[in-house]
Protein backbone atom coordinates (compact mmCIF):
# COMPACT_ATOMS: atom_id res chain seq x y z
CA UNK A 1 -82.37 0.79 89.48
CA UNK A 2 -79.65 -1.77 89.99
CA UNK A 3 -77.73 -2.87 86.91
CA UNK A 4 -76.06 -6.27 86.85
CA UNK A 5 -74.23 -5.99 83.56
CA UNK A 6 -70.71 -7.39 83.95
CA UNK A 7 -69.75 -10.55 85.77
CA UNK A 8 -66.94 -10.89 88.30
CA UNK A 9 -64.50 -12.02 85.59
CA UNK A 10 -64.49 -8.44 84.30
CA UNK A 11 -63.55 -6.89 87.66
CA UNK A 12 -59.74 -7.35 87.32
CA UNK A 13 -59.88 -5.86 83.81
CA UNK A 14 -61.90 -2.88 85.01
CA UNK A 15 -59.38 -2.32 87.81
CA UNK A 16 -56.59 -2.09 85.22
CA UNK A 17 -58.61 0.41 83.17
CA UNK A 18 -57.29 3.66 84.65
CA UNK A 19 -58.52 5.85 81.74
CA UNK A 20 -62.06 4.46 81.39
CA UNK A 21 -61.34 3.03 77.93
CA UNK A 22 -62.78 -0.37 78.73
CA UNK A 23 -65.94 1.10 80.21
CA UNK A 24 -66.36 3.31 77.12
CA UNK A 25 -65.90 0.28 74.86
CA UNK A 26 -68.43 -1.71 76.90
CA UNK A 27 -70.94 1.13 76.61
CA UNK A 28 -70.71 1.32 72.82
CA UNK A 29 -71.31 -2.38 72.11
CA UNK A 30 -74.92 -3.29 71.33
CA UNK A 31 -76.53 -6.39 72.84
CA UNK A 32 -76.53 -8.31 69.57
CA UNK A 33 -72.75 -8.01 69.35
CA UNK A 34 -72.38 -9.29 72.92
CA UNK A 35 -74.55 -12.25 71.96
CA UNK A 36 -72.17 -12.87 69.04
CA UNK A 37 -69.17 -12.84 71.40
CA UNK A 38 -70.84 -15.68 73.30
CA UNK A 39 -70.43 -17.99 70.30
CA UNK A 40 -67.12 -16.54 69.06
CA UNK A 41 -63.55 -17.58 69.68
CA UNK A 42 -61.32 -15.76 72.13
CA UNK A 43 -59.19 -14.65 69.20
CA UNK A 44 -62.24 -12.99 67.59
CA UNK A 45 -63.13 -11.26 70.89
CA UNK A 46 -59.54 -10.05 71.29
CA UNK A 47 -59.53 -8.55 67.79
CA UNK A 48 -63.09 -7.23 67.58
CA UNK A 49 -63.72 -6.03 71.13
CA UNK A 50 -60.30 -5.21 72.55
CA UNK A 51 -58.50 -4.64 69.24
CA UNK A 52 -60.01 -1.20 68.69
CA UNK A 53 -57.30 0.38 70.85
CA UNK A 54 -53.76 -0.82 71.67
CA UNK A 55 -54.33 0.19 75.31
CA UNK A 56 -57.29 -2.21 75.53
CA UNK A 57 -55.16 -4.96 74.03
CA UNK A 58 -52.57 -4.29 76.72
CA UNK A 59 -55.20 -4.77 79.44
CA UNK A 60 -55.85 -8.33 78.17
CA UNK A 61 -52.30 -9.11 77.03
CA UNK A 62 -51.87 -11.81 79.70
CA UNK A 63 -55.28 -13.37 79.03
CA UNK A 64 -55.53 -16.50 76.93
CA UNK A 65 -58.15 -16.78 74.21
CA UNK A 66 -59.96 -19.29 76.44
CA UNK A 67 -60.11 -16.77 79.30
CA UNK A 68 -61.51 -14.09 76.98
CA UNK A 69 -64.13 -16.50 75.69
CA UNK A 70 -65.27 -17.24 79.26
CA UNK A 71 -65.75 -13.62 80.44
CA UNK A 72 -69.17 -13.77 82.04
CA UNK A 73 -72.22 -11.52 82.03
CA UNK A 74 -73.64 -10.15 85.25
CA UNK A 75 -76.96 -11.93 84.98
CA UNK A 76 -75.20 -15.30 85.15
CA UNK A 77 -72.86 -14.44 88.01
CA UNK A 78 -74.37 -15.73 91.28
CA UNK A 79 -72.35 -13.33 93.45
CA UNK A 80 -73.40 -10.27 91.42
CA UNK A 81 -77.05 -11.35 91.23
CA UNK A 82 -77.13 -12.02 94.98
CA UNK A 83 -75.58 -8.61 95.75
CA UNK A 84 -78.13 -6.89 93.52
CA UNK A 85 -81.01 -8.79 95.12
CA UNK A 86 -79.76 -7.98 98.62
CA UNK A 87 -79.49 -4.27 97.73
CA UNK A 88 -83.01 -4.34 96.30
CA UNK A 89 -84.45 -6.05 99.39
CA UNK A 90 -82.60 -3.64 101.71
CA UNK A 91 -83.87 -0.59 99.80
CA UNK A 92 -86.64 1.19 101.71
CA UNK A 93 -88.98 3.89 100.52
CA UNK A 94 -88.92 3.46 96.76
CA UNK A 95 -89.49 0.77 94.16
CA UNK A 96 -86.42 -1.09 92.92
CA UNK A 97 -85.77 -2.83 89.64
CA UNK A 98 -82.84 -5.05 88.74
CA UNK A 99 -81.64 -5.04 85.14
CA UNK A 100 -79.47 -8.08 84.46
CA UNK A 101 -77.46 -8.63 81.30
CA UNK A 102 -77.80 -12.24 80.20
CA UNK A 103 -76.97 -14.48 77.28
CA UNK A 104 -79.85 -15.65 75.15
CA UNK A 105 -80.19 -19.44 75.53
CA UNK A 106 -77.71 -19.57 78.43
CA UNK A 107 -76.87 -23.15 79.32
CA UNK A 108 -77.88 -24.63 75.97
CA UNK A 109 -74.28 -24.74 74.76
CA UNK A 110 -73.71 -24.85 71.00
CA UNK A 111 -77.35 -25.81 70.46
CA UNK A 112 -78.54 -22.28 71.00
CA UNK A 113 -76.50 -20.23 73.43
CA UNK A 114 -76.07 -16.68 72.14
CA UNK A 115 -77.63 -17.48 68.78
CA UNK A 116 -80.39 -15.30 67.41
CA UNK A 117 -81.86 -18.11 65.35
CA UNK A 118 -85.34 -16.64 65.02
CA UNK A 119 -83.94 -13.34 63.81
CA UNK A 120 -82.29 -14.90 60.81
CA UNK A 121 -84.99 -17.32 59.65
CA UNK A 122 -86.52 -16.72 56.25
CA UNK A 123 -89.89 -17.82 54.94
């Protein structure tokens, strides 16, 4: 199994994360919350995602709200997807699956990107 969860924009942050705090925080966030971050401001992401620990805030202290808002998911990062595909093709002797984290409605912009519209409709 090859997981393509985090895009390249996260790599510098993960390199700064000497204690594994960022990885732990990433692991505890459910997909629906990541979808919400897609349509949220950088200020909201800073407070809600990184604001749970002052050490996480320090990791992104030099990032603007715009940079936080643009942190990409692995399934939309061509370099990460290509690397995963190459590893899968090069694997011999066992089946391989690629799990890619993506944004619902990617590319639709404000019209639908990251929105769970069908989940909140009422009859």
